[in-house]
C-alpha atoms as a PDB file:
ATOM      1  CA  MET A   1     -10.459 -17.552  57.328  1.00  0.00           C
ATOM      2  CA  HIS A   2     -10.015 -18.955  60.552  1.00  0.00           C
ATOM      3  CA  TYR A   3      -7.150 -21.168  61.865  1.00  0.00           C
ATOM      4  CA  PRO A   4      -7.106 -23.069  65.373  1.00  0.00           C
ATOM      5  CA  ASP A   5      -3.313 -22.210  65.739  1.00  0.00           C
ATOM      6  CA  LEU A   6      -0.015 -21.259  63.625  1.00  0.00           C
ATOM      7  CA  PRO A   7       0.647 -24.748  62.520  1.00  0.00           C
ATOM      8  CA  ALA A   8      -2.429 -24.372  60.592  1.00  0.00           C
ATOM      9  CA  LEU A   9      -2.267 -20.854  59.419  1.00  0.00           C
ATOM     10  CA  ILE A  10       2.007 -21.866  57.817  1.00  0.00           C
ATOM     11  CA  ALA A  11      -0.092 -25.785  56.865  1.00  0.00           C
ATOM     12  CA  ASP A  12      -2.617 -23.097  54.221  1.00  0.00           C
ATOM     13  CA  ARG A  13       0.960 -20.874  53.424  1.00  0.00           C
ATOM     14  CA  ARG A  14      -0.380 -20.452  49.661  1.00  0.00           C
ATOM     15  CA  ARG A  15      -3.685 -19.020  50.388  1.00  0.00           C
ATOM     16  CA  THR A  16      -2.518 -16.859  53.418  1.00  0.00           C
ATOM     17  CA  LEU A  17       1.154 -15.644  53.096  1.00  0.00           C
ATOM     18  CA  ALA A  18       1.877 -16.139  49.177  1.00  0.00           C
ATOM     19  CA  LYS A  19       0.913 -12.733  48.299  1.00  0.00           C
ATOM     20  CA  GLY A  20       1.931  -9.301  50.274  1.00  0.00           C
ATOM     21  CA  PRO A  21       2.518  -6.975  51.908  1.00  0.00           C
ATOM     22  CA  ILE A  22       0.890  -8.851  54.728  1.00  0.00           C
ATOM     23  CA  ALA A  23       0.115  -7.142  58.340  1.00  0.00           C
ATOM     24  CA  LEU A  24       0.416  -9.038  61.251  1.00  0.00           C
ATOM     25  CA  ILE A  25      -1.630  -7.691  64.031  1.00  0.00           C
ATOM     26  CA  LEU A  26      -1.515  -8.952  67.580  1.00  0.00           C
ATOM     27  CA  ILE A  27      -4.357  -8.500  69.622  1.00  0.00           C
ATOM     28  CA  GLU A  28      -3.431  -8.707  73.129  1.00  0.00           C
ATOM     29  CA  ASP A  29      -7.069  -6.935  74.767  1.00  0.00           C
ATOM     30  CA  ASP A  30     -10.585  -5.590  73.191  1.00  0.00           C
ATOM     31  CA  VAL A  31      -9.065  -1.751  72.829  1.00  0.00           C
ATOM     32  CA  GLU A  32      -9.485  -0.436  69.170  1.00  0.00           C
ATOM     33  CA  ILE A  33      -9.558  -3.861  67.464  1.00  0.00           C
ATOM     34  CA  ALA A  34     -12.089  -2.605  64.253  1.00  0.00           C
ATOM     35  CA  SER A  35     -10.147   0.846  63.935  1.00  0.00           C
ATOM     36  CA  THR A  36      -6.934  -0.989  64.060  1.00  0.00           C
ATOM     37  CA  ILE A  37      -8.033  -3.679  61.402  1.00  0.00           C
ATOM     38  CA  ASP A  38      -9.533  -0.718  59.376  1.00  0.00           C
ATOM     39  CA  HIS A  39      -6.364   1.324  59.389  1.00  0.00           C
ATOM     40  CA  HIS A  40      -4.449  -0.915  57.957  1.00  0.00           C
ATOM     41  CA  LEU A  41      -6.531  -2.212  55.566  1.00  0.00           C
ATOM     42  CA  LYS A  42      -6.681   1.227  54.214  1.00  0.00           C
ATOM     43  CA  ALA A  43      -2.971   1.672  53.929  1.00  0.00           C
ATOM     44  CA  GLY A  44      -3.060  -1.000  51.349  1.00  0.00           C
ATOM     45  CA  PHE A  45      -1.972  -4.007  52.977  1.00  0.00           C
ATOM     46  CA  ALA A  46      -2.867  -7.369  50.718  1.00  0.00           C
ATOM     47  CA  GLN A  47      -4.128  -9.566  53.438  1.00  0.00           C
ATOM     48  CA  LEU A  48      -4.103  -8.971  57.491  1.00  0.00           C
ATOM     49  CA  ILE A  49      -3.311 -11.654  59.579  1.00  0.00           C
ATOM     50  CA  VAL A  50      -4.747 -11.439  63.293  1.00  0.00           C
ATOM     51  CA  PHE A  51      -3.456 -13.312  66.199  1.00  0.00           C
ATOM     52  CA  CYS A  52      -5.814 -13.056  69.294  1.00  0.00           C
ATOM     53  CA  ALA A  53      -6.961 -15.639  72.142  1.00  0.00           C
ATOM     54  CA  LYS A  54      -9.838 -18.086  71.514  1.00  0.00           C
ATOM     55  CA  ASP A  55     -12.591 -15.917  73.361  1.00  0.00           C
ATOM     56  CA  VAL A  56     -12.132 -12.497  71.214  1.00  0.00           C
ATOM     57  CA  VAL A  57     -14.881 -11.582  68.834  1.00  0.00           C
ATOM     58  CA  LEU A  58     -13.727  -9.803  65.654  1.00  0.00           C
ATOM     59  CA  GLN A  59     -16.468  -8.302  62.538  1.00  0.00           C
ATOM     60  CA  ASP A  60     -16.330 -10.103  59.161  1.00  0.00           C
ATOM     61  CA  ARG A  61     -13.781  -7.976  57.008  1.00  0.00           C
ATOM     62  CA  GLY A  62     -13.534 -10.692  54.462  1.00  0.00           C
ATOM     63  CA  GLY A  63     -11.057 -12.762  52.969  1.00  0.00           C
ATOM     64  CA  THR A  64      -8.302 -10.331  53.157  1.00  0.00           C
ATOM     65  CA  VAL A  65      -8.028 -10.471  57.281  1.00  0.00           C
ATOM     66  CA  HIS A  66      -7.369 -14.143  58.557  1.00  0.00           C
ATOM     67  CA  ARG A  67      -7.561 -14.857  62.642  1.00  0.00           C
ATOM     68  CA  VAL A  68      -5.560 -17.415  64.117  1.00  0.00           C
ATOM     69  CA  ASP A  69      -6.497 -18.284  67.447  1.00  0.00           C
ATOM     70  CA  TYR A  70      -3.077 -17.291  69.566  1.00  0.00           C
ATOM     71  CA  ASP A  71      -1.804 -17.407  73.403  1.00  0.00           C
ATOM     72  CA  LEU A  72      -0.355 -14.095  73.814  1.00  0.00           C
ATOM     73  CA  LEU A  73       0.617 -14.045  77.373  1.00  0.00           C
ATOM     74  CA  GLY A  74       4.213 -15.233  76.784  1.00  0.00           C
ATOM     75  CA  ASP A  75       7.162 -12.686  76.529  1.00  0.00           C
ATOM     76  CA  ASP A  76       8.271 -14.560  73.410  1.00  0.00           C
ATOM     77  CA  ALA A  77       4.859 -14.754  71.460  1.00  0.00           C
ATOM     78  CA  LEU A  78       6.098 -12.004  69.065  1.00  0.00           C
ATOM     79  CA  ILE A  79       9.112 -13.421  68.470  1.00  0.00           C
ATOM     80  CA  GLN A  80       8.146 -16.757  67.799  1.00  0.00           C
ATOM     81  CA  ILE A  81       5.330 -15.583  65.585  1.00  0.00           C
ATOM     82  CA  ILE A  82       7.420 -13.526  63.464  1.00  0.00           C
ATOM     83  CA  ASN A  83      10.304 -16.118  62.759  1.00  0.00           C
ATOM     84  CA  THR A  84       7.628 -19.314  61.996  1.00  0.00           C
ATOM     85  CA  VAL A  85       5.973 -16.391  59.412  1.00  0.00           C
ATOM     86  CA  VAL A  86       9.380 -15.705  57.969  1.00  0.00           C
ATOM     87  CA  GLU A  87      10.415 -19.195  57.697  1.00  0.00           C
ATOM     88  CA  ALA A  88       7.145 -19.580  55.877  1.00  0.00           C
ATOM     89  CA  ALA A  89       6.876 -16.823  53.586  1.00  0.00           C
ATOM     90  CA  PRO A  90      10.603 -15.691  52.022  1.00  0.00           C
ATOM     91  CA  GLY A  91      10.463 -12.813  49.491  1.00  0.00           C
ATOM     92  CA  VAL A  92       7.530 -11.338  51.547  1.00  0.00           C
ATOM     93  CA  TRP A  93       7.003  -7.770  52.892  1.00  0.00           C
ATOM     94  CA  LEU A  94       5.692  -8.251  56.558  1.00  0.00           C
ATOM     95  CA  TYR A  95       4.145  -5.534  59.037  1.00  0.00           C
ATOM     96  CA  HIS A  96       4.059  -6.689  62.624  1.00  0.00           C
ATOM     97  CA  GLY A  97       1.915  -4.351  65.342  1.00  0.00           C
ATOM     98  CA  TYR A  98      -0.559  -4.661  68.340  1.00  0.00           C
ATOM     99  CA  ASN A  99      -4.102  -3.256  68.312  1.00  0.00           C
ATOM    100  CA  ALA A 100      -4.395   0.281  68.604  1.00  0.00           C
ATOM    101  CA  GLU A 101      -1.311   0.862  67.055  1.00  0.00           C
ATOM    102  CA  TYR A 102      -1.250   2.783  63.886  1.00  0.00           C
ATOM    103  CA  LEU A 103       1.078   2.607  61.025  1.00  0.00           C
ATOM    104  CA  PHE A 104       1.978   6.180  59.627  1.00  0.00           C
ATOM    105  CA  TYR A 105       4.037   6.798  56.981  1.00  0.00           C
ATOM    106  CA  PRO A 106       5.054   9.622  54.592  1.00  0.00           C
ATOM    107  CA  PHE A 107       2.027  10.731  52.659  1.00  0.00           C
ATOM    108  CA  CYS A 108       0.257   7.994  53.484  1.00  0.00           C
ATOM    109  CA  GLU A 109      -2.846   9.679  52.972  1.00  0.00           C
ATOM    110  CA  HIS A 110      -3.107   9.481  49.398  1.00  0.00           C
ATOM    111  CA  ARG A 111       0.238   6.614  48.609  1.00  0.00           C
ATOM    112  CA  SER A 112      -0.455   2.894  49.829  1.00  0.00           C
ATOM    113  CA  VAL A 113       2.295   0.918  51.731  1.00  0.00           C
ATOM    114  CA  GLY A 114       3.031  -1.368  48.408  1.00  0.00           C
ATOM    115  CA  GLU A 115       3.612   2.013  46.796  1.00  0.00           C
ATOM    116  CA  MET A 116       6.564   2.482  49.857  1.00  0.00           C
ATOM    117  CA  ILE A 117       7.729  -1.090  49.655  1.00  0.00           C
ATOM    118  CA  SER A 118       8.240  -0.900  45.445  1.00  0.00           C
ATOM    119  CA  PHE A 119      10.552   2.335  46.387  1.00  0.00           C
ATOM    120  CA  ALA A 120      12.679   0.641  48.743  1.00  0.00           C
ATOM    121  CA  THR A 121      13.050  -1.913  46.663  1.00  0.00           C
ATOM    122  CA  GLU A 122      14.479   0.084  43.852  1.00  0.00           C
ATOM    123  CA  GLU A 123      16.658   1.282  46.575  1.00  0.00           C
ATOM    124  CA  ARG A 124      18.048  -2.176  47.886  1.00  0.00           C
ATOM    125  CA  ARG A 125      16.271  -1.413  51.139  1.00  0.00           C
ATOM    126  CA  ASP A 126      14.567  -4.392  52.454  1.00  0.00           C
ATOM    127  CA  THR A 127      13.442  -2.878  55.797  1.00  0.00           C
ATOM    128  CA  PHE A 128      12.089   0.453  57.052  1.00  0.00           C
ATOM    129  CA  MET A 129      13.001   1.479  60.551  1.00  0.00           C
ATOM    130  CA  CYS A 130       9.894   2.557  62.994  1.00  0.00           C
ATOM    131  CA  TYR A 131       9.925   4.867  65.802  1.00  0.00           C
ATOM    132  CA  VAL A 132       6.899   4.160  68.201  1.00  0.00           C
ATOM    133  CA  VAL A 133       5.397   7.310  68.997  1.00  0.00           C
ATOM    134  CA  ASP A 134       3.057   7.122  72.563  1.00  0.00           C
ATOM    135  CA  LEU A 135      -0.644   8.201  72.054  1.00  0.00           C
ATOM    136  CA  TYR A 136      -2.523   9.211  75.303  1.00  0.00           C
ATOM    137  CA  ALA A 137      -5.801  10.439  75.868  1.00  0.00           C
ATOM    138  CA  GLY A 138      -5.713  14.217  76.845  1.00  0.00           C
ATOM    139  CA  ASP A 139      -8.142  13.484  80.159  1.00  0.00           C
ATOM    140  CA  LEU A 140      -7.488  10.530  82.002  1.00  0.00           C
ATOM    141  CA  GLY A 141     -10.942  11.494  84.134  1.00  0.00           C
ATOM    142  CA  ALA A 142     -13.180  10.868  81.009  1.00  0.00           C
ATOM    143  CA  TYR A 143     -10.920   8.074  79.520  1.00  0.00           C
ATOM    144  CA  PRO A 144      -8.928   6.233  82.709  1.00  0.00           C
ATOM    145  CA  ASP A 145      -7.196   3.608  79.944  1.00  0.00           C
ATOM    146  CA  ALA A 146      -5.797   6.502  78.585  1.00  0.00           C
ATOM    147  CA  VAL A 147      -7.491   5.574  75.128  1.00  0.00           C
ATOM    148  CA  SER A 148      -8.895   8.089  72.851  1.00  0.00           C
ATOM    149  CA  ARG A 149      -8.850   8.688  69.174  1.00  0.00           C
ATOM    150  CA  GLN A 150     -11.034  11.677  69.151  1.00  0.00           C
ATOM    151  CA  ASP A 151      -8.728  13.265  72.183  1.00  0.00           C
ATOM    152  CA  ALA A 152      -5.447  11.597  71.240  1.00  0.00           C
ATOM    153  CA  TYR A 153      -2.064  13.499  71.955  1.00  0.00           C
ATOM    154  CA  PHE A 154       1.384  13.096  71.864  1.00  0.00           C
ATOM    155  CA  ASP A 155       5.113  14.257  73.226  1.00  0.00           C
ATOM    156  CA  ARG A 156       6.474  16.483  70.387  1.00  0.00           C
ATOM    157  CA  THR A 157       9.744  16.895  71.326  1.00  0.00           C
ATOM    158  CA  GLY A 158      12.111  14.732  74.115  1.00  0.00           C
ATOM    159  CA  TYR A 159      13.111  12.420  72.098  1.00  0.00           C
ATOM    160  CA  TYR A 160      17.235  11.436  71.507  1.00  0.00           C
ATOM    161  CA  ALA A 161      19.435   8.853  69.898  1.00  0.00           C
ATOM    162  CA  LEU A 162      22.458   6.438  71.727  1.00  0.00           C
ATOM    163  CA  ALA A 163      24.917   4.605  68.839  1.00  0.00           C
ATOM    164  CA  ARG A 164      24.416   1.002  69.697  1.00  0.00           C
ATOM    165  CA  GLN A 165      27.171  -0.719  70.456  1.00  0.00           C
ATOM    166  CA  ASP A 166      27.886  -4.204  69.585  1.00  0.00           C
ATOM    167  CA  ALA A 167      29.118  -7.018  72.778  1.00  0.00           C
ATOM    168  CA  ASP A 168      32.718  -5.674  72.405  1.00  0.00           C
ATOM    169  CA  GLY A 169      31.967  -2.216  72.620  1.00  0.00           C
ATOM    170  CA  ALA A 170      32.310  -1.218  68.944  1.00  0.00           C
ATOM    171  CA  THR A 171      29.791   1.346  67.408  1.00  0.00           C
ATOM    172  CA  MET A 172      27.476  -0.643  64.981  1.00  0.00           C
ATOM    173  CA  ASP A 173      27.179   0.880  61.450  1.00  0.00           C
ATOM    174  CA  ARG A 174      23.974   3.432  61.012  1.00  0.00           C
ATOM    175  CA  GLN A 175      22.073   1.642  64.439  1.00  0.00           C
ATOM    176  CA  MET A 176      20.968   3.626  66.906  1.00  0.00           C
ATOM    177  CA  ASP A 177      19.376   3.092  70.303  1.00  0.00           C
ATOM    178  CA  ILE A 178      16.205   5.521  70.264  1.00  0.00           C
ATOM    179  CA  PHE A 179      14.351   6.900  73.334  1.00  0.00           C
ATOM    180  CA  GLY A 180      11.414   8.927  74.275  1.00  0.00           C
ATOM    181  CA  GLY A 181       7.737   9.507  74.726  1.00  0.00           C
ATOM    182  CA  LEU A 182       5.867   8.218  77.759  1.00  0.00           C
ATOM    183  CA  ARG A 183       8.778   5.024  78.002  1.00  0.00           C
ATOM    184  CA  TRP A 184      11.329   8.023  78.415  1.00  0.00           C
ATOM    185  CA  ARG A 185       8.981  10.678  81.080  1.00  0.00           C
ATOM    186  CA  PHE A 186       7.717   7.520  83.204  1.00  0.00           C
ATOM    187  CA  GLU A 187      10.723   5.205  82.966  1.00  0.00           C
ATOM    188  CA  GLU A 188      11.229   4.224  86.649  1.00  0.00           C
ATOM    189  CA  HIS A 189       7.918   2.210  85.715  1.00  0.00           C
ATOM    190  CA  VAL A 190       9.421   0.784  82.378  1.00  0.00           C
ATOM    191  CA  PRO A 191      11.794  -2.122  82.438  1.00  0.00           C
ATOM    192  CA  GLN A 192      14.923  -1.379  80.790  1.00  0.00           C
ATOM    193  CA  THR A 193      14.706  -3.636  78.232  1.00  0.00           C
ATOM    194  CA  ARG A 194      11.427  -2.112  77.088  1.00  0.00           C
ATOM    195  CA  ARG A 195      12.582   1.559  76.716  1.00  0.00           C
ATOM    196  CA  ARG A 196      13.702   1.803  73.619  1.00  0.00           C
ATOM    197  CA  ILE A 197      11.318   2.806  70.771  1.00  0.00           C
ATOM    198  CA  ASP A 198      12.965   2.168  67.230  1.00  0.00           C
ATOM    199  CA  ARG A 199      11.311  -1.000  66.003  1.00  0.00           C
ATOM    200  CA  VAL A 200      11.930  -2.804  63.090  1.00  0.00           C
ATOM    201  CA  ALA A 201       8.396  -2.683  62.044  1.00  0.00           C
ATOM    202  CA  LEU A 202       8.584  -3.491  58.106  1.00  0.00           C
ATOM    203  CA  PHE A 203      10.911  -5.814  56.691  1.00  0.00           C
ATOM    204  CA  ARG A 204      10.822  -8.334  53.706  1.00  0.00           C
ATOM    205  CA  ALA A 205      11.508 -11.866  54.910  1.00  0.00           C
ATOM    206  CA  VAL A 206      14.377 -13.714  53.395  1.00  0.00           C
ATOM    207  CA  PRO A 207      15.950 -16.965  54.272  1.00  0.00           C
ATOM    208  CA  GLY A 208      17.308 -17.114  57.535  1.00  0.00           C
ATOM    209  CA  LEU A 209      16.154 -14.134  59.172  1.00  0.00           C
ATOM    210  CA  ARG A 210      15.075 -14.169  62.913  1.00  0.00           C
ATOM    211  CA  MET A 211      14.280 -11.980  65.132  1.00  0.00           C
ATOM    212  CA  LEU A 212      16.391 -11.859  68.520  1.00  0.00           C
ATOM    213  CA  PRO A 213      15.170 -11.531  72.160  1.00  0.00           C
ATOM    214  CA  ASP A 214      15.574  -7.374  71.857  1.00  0.00           C
ATOM    215  CA  ARG A 215      13.657  -7.739  68.920  1.00  0.00           C
ATOM    216  CA  THR A 216      16.269  -6.791  66.475  1.00  0.00           C
ATOM    217  CA  PHE A 217      17.552  -8.920  63.957  1.00  0.00           C
ATOM    218  CA  ASN A 218      20.236 -11.432  63.180  1.00  0.00           C
ATOM    219  CA  VAL A 219      20.734  -9.434  59.853  1.00  0.00           C
ATOM    220  CA  ALA A 220      22.606  -6.613  60.604  1.00  0.00           C
ATOM    221  CA  GLU A 221      21.105  -4.472  57.766  1.00  0.00           C
ATOM    222  CA  TYR A 222      17.966  -4.938  58.821  1.00  0.00           C
ATOM    223  CA  ASN A 223      18.783  -2.971  62.340  1.00  0.00           C
ATOM    224  CA  THR A 224      19.658   0.180  60.155  1.00  0.00           C
ATOM    225  CA  TYR A 225      17.777   3.545  59.707  1.00  0.00           C
ATOM    226  CA  ALA A 226      19.286   3.995  56.246  1.00  0.00           C
ATOM    227  CA  CYS A 227      21.341   2.851  53.531  1.00  0.00           C
ATOM    228  CA  PRO A 228      25.019   3.936  52.705  1.00  0.00           C
ATOM    229  CA  TRP A 229      24.530   6.243  50.665  1.00  0.00           C
ATOM    230  CA  HIS A 230      21.912   8.940  51.270  1.00  0.00           C
ATOM    231  CA  HIS A 231      18.909   8.886  54.048  1.00  0.00           C
ATOM    232  CA  SER A 232      16.234   6.502  53.599  1.00  0.00           C
ATOM    233  CA  THR A 233      12.532   7.122  54.404  1.00  0.00           C
ATOM    234  CA  THR A 234      11.484   5.855  57.956  1.00  0.00           C
ATOM    235  CA  ALA A 235       7.975   5.657  59.436  1.00  0.00           C
ATOM    236  CA  ALA A 236       5.577   5.878  62.538  1.00  0.00           C
ATOM    237  CA  VAL A 237       3.923   3.677  65.219  1.00  0.00           C
ATOM    238  CA  CYS A 238       1.793   5.810  66.784  1.00  0.00           C
ATOM    239  CA  SER A 239       0.732   3.824  69.652  1.00  0.00           C
ATOM    240  CA  PHE A 240      -1.683   3.892  72.960  1.00  0.00           C
ATOM    241  CA  ARG A 241       0.030   0.501  73.966  1.00  0.00           C
ATOM    242  CA  THR A 242       2.338   1.866  76.366  1.00  0.00           C
ATOM    243  CA  ALA A 243      -0.566   4.406  78.150  1.00  0.00           C
ATOM    244  CA  LYS A 244      -2.448   0.991  78.271  1.00  0.00           C
ATOM    245  CA  ALA A 245      -0.046  -0.407  80.317  1.00  0.00           C
ATOM    246  CA  LEU A 246       1.286   2.566  82.339  1.00  0.00           C
ATOM    247  CA  ARG A 247      -2.635   2.774  83.355  1.00  0.00           C
ATOM    248  CA  ARG A 248      -3.322  -0.920  83.932  1.00  0.00           C
ATOM    249  CA  ASN A 249      -0.270  -1.499  86.226  1.00  0.00           C
ATOM    250  CA  PRO A 250      -0.975  -0.709  89.769  1.00  0.00           C
ATOM    251  CA  GLY A 251       2.295   0.942  90.420  1.00  0.00           C
ATOM    252  CA  SER A 252       1.848   3.193  88.068  1.00  0.00           C
ATOM    253  CA  ARG A 253      -1.584   3.714  87.818  1.00  0.00           C
ATOM    254  CA  HIS A 254      -1.796   5.771  91.242  1.00  0.00           C
ATOM    255  CA  GLU A 255       1.473   7.693  90.654  1.00  0.00           C
ATOM    256  CA  ILE A 256      -0.193   8.982  87.092  1.00  0.00           C
ATOM    257  CA  THR A 257      -2.760  11.811  86.913  1.00  0.00           C
ATOM    258  CA  SER A 258      -2.348  12.891  83.687  1.00  0.00           C
ATOM    259  CA  PHE A 259       0.069  12.777  80.877  1.00  0.00           C
ATOM    260  CA  ARG A 260       0.201  15.952  79.312  1.00  0.00           C
ATOM    261  CA  TRP A 261       3.335  18.236  79.928  1.00  0.00           C
ATOM    262  CA  GLN A 262       4.724  21.255  78.346  1.00  0.00           C
ATOM    263  CA  ASN A 263       5.659  19.693  75.072  1.00  0.00           C
ATOM    264  CA  THR A 264       2.004  17.799  74.890  1.00  0.00           C
ATOM    265  CA  GLU A 265       0.263  18.425  71.313  1.00  0.00           C
ATOM    266  CA  ALA A 266      -2.858  17.077  69.985  1.00  0.00           C
ATOM    267  CA  PHE A 267      -2.437  14.969  67.774  1.00  0.00           C
ATOM    268  CA  ASN A 268      -4.489  15.051  63.846  1.00  0.00           C
ATOM    269  CA  TRP A 269      -4.240  11.845  62.710  1.00  0.00           C
ATOM    270  CA  ARG A 270      -1.867  13.144  59.606  1.00  0.00           C
ATOM    271  CA  SER A 271       1.392  11.801  58.366  1.00  0.00           C
ATOM    272  CA  GLN A 272       2.254  15.642  57.985  1.00  0.00           C
ATOM    273  CA  GLN A 273       2.441  16.584  61.529  1.00  0.00           C
ATOM    274  CA  LEU A 274       4.809  13.520  62.056  1.00  0.00           C
ATOM    275  CA  LEU A 275       7.399  14.924  59.165  1.00  0.00           C
ATOM    276  CA  ASP A 276       7.175  18.166  60.458  1.00  0.00           C
ATOM    277  CA  LEU A 277       8.086  17.368  63.649  1.00  0.00           C
ATOM    278  CA  GLY A 278      11.059  14.809  62.372  1.00  0.00           C
ATOM    279  CA  LEU A 279       9.535  11.627  63.900  1.00  0.00           C
ATOM    280  CA  MET A 280       9.711   9.901  60.181  1.00  0.00           C
ATOM    281  CA  GLU A 281      10.892  11.327  56.980  1.00  0.00           C
ATOM    282  CA  PRO A 282      10.350  10.887  53.735  1.00  0.00           C
ATOM    283  CA  GLY A 283      14.154  10.498  52.233  1.00  0.00           C
ATOM    284  CA  GLN A 284      14.790   9.941  48.655  1.00  0.00           C
ATOM    285  CA  TRP A 285      10.913   9.125  48.381  1.00  0.00           C
ATOM    286  CA  PHE A 286       9.284  12.542  46.855  1.00  0.00           C
END
């Protein structure tokens, strides 16, 4: 289905938002649109809702992919989309990401995202903490926009966590601010508010839930990386988005001739590689 705006999608919620899990994909440009959609269909999402500008051309993927015309240039576009959909789809599991971003979770080659969600439900968890793993082309001469699935690399080390504090300076239970990747190595080109790589990208919508301006949620438990009694399953969002931005920004484009460094590793598009490096973990899900 093709919807002219977000209110039209919400008005047809019985068709588009009743059955999950649902992937909300925000299309910012024309880079790797098809591969992004196909990756998440293969993961087992019941439906994909693609938000994009009116002039974007999408290939027909059948009735499980819905298009919504939406202006994504505003800084609060993601927050508006998430909060509107959450209110209209209580109880439904939602994922959010951008084009040229790919959700990986433990054993995703032979287990569906629905299976992982079923396990989380048994564990009384309503979220999966995800970590953004920056991908980048190894040869910027051949791939000036830094995007190449065939020549993809990432940082195998250089990630760190800081205990998150509330407005009064108290440490928050099981919440961490995570940093690393290109946003850490080239932090002088990244606004401070955009340097974190932790993202609650997969969660269950519940009444009253709201995404806040810092991309956390108003329910504290939604921002935790694990349940109180043991480690929980986490996932990774492997993303070319930061590399694209650094290559498009005039201030950084001419200063960065390569993203590779001594801790660069070729990305093999397998979940086991991310598990081996501790960039996600199965928790108690075996």
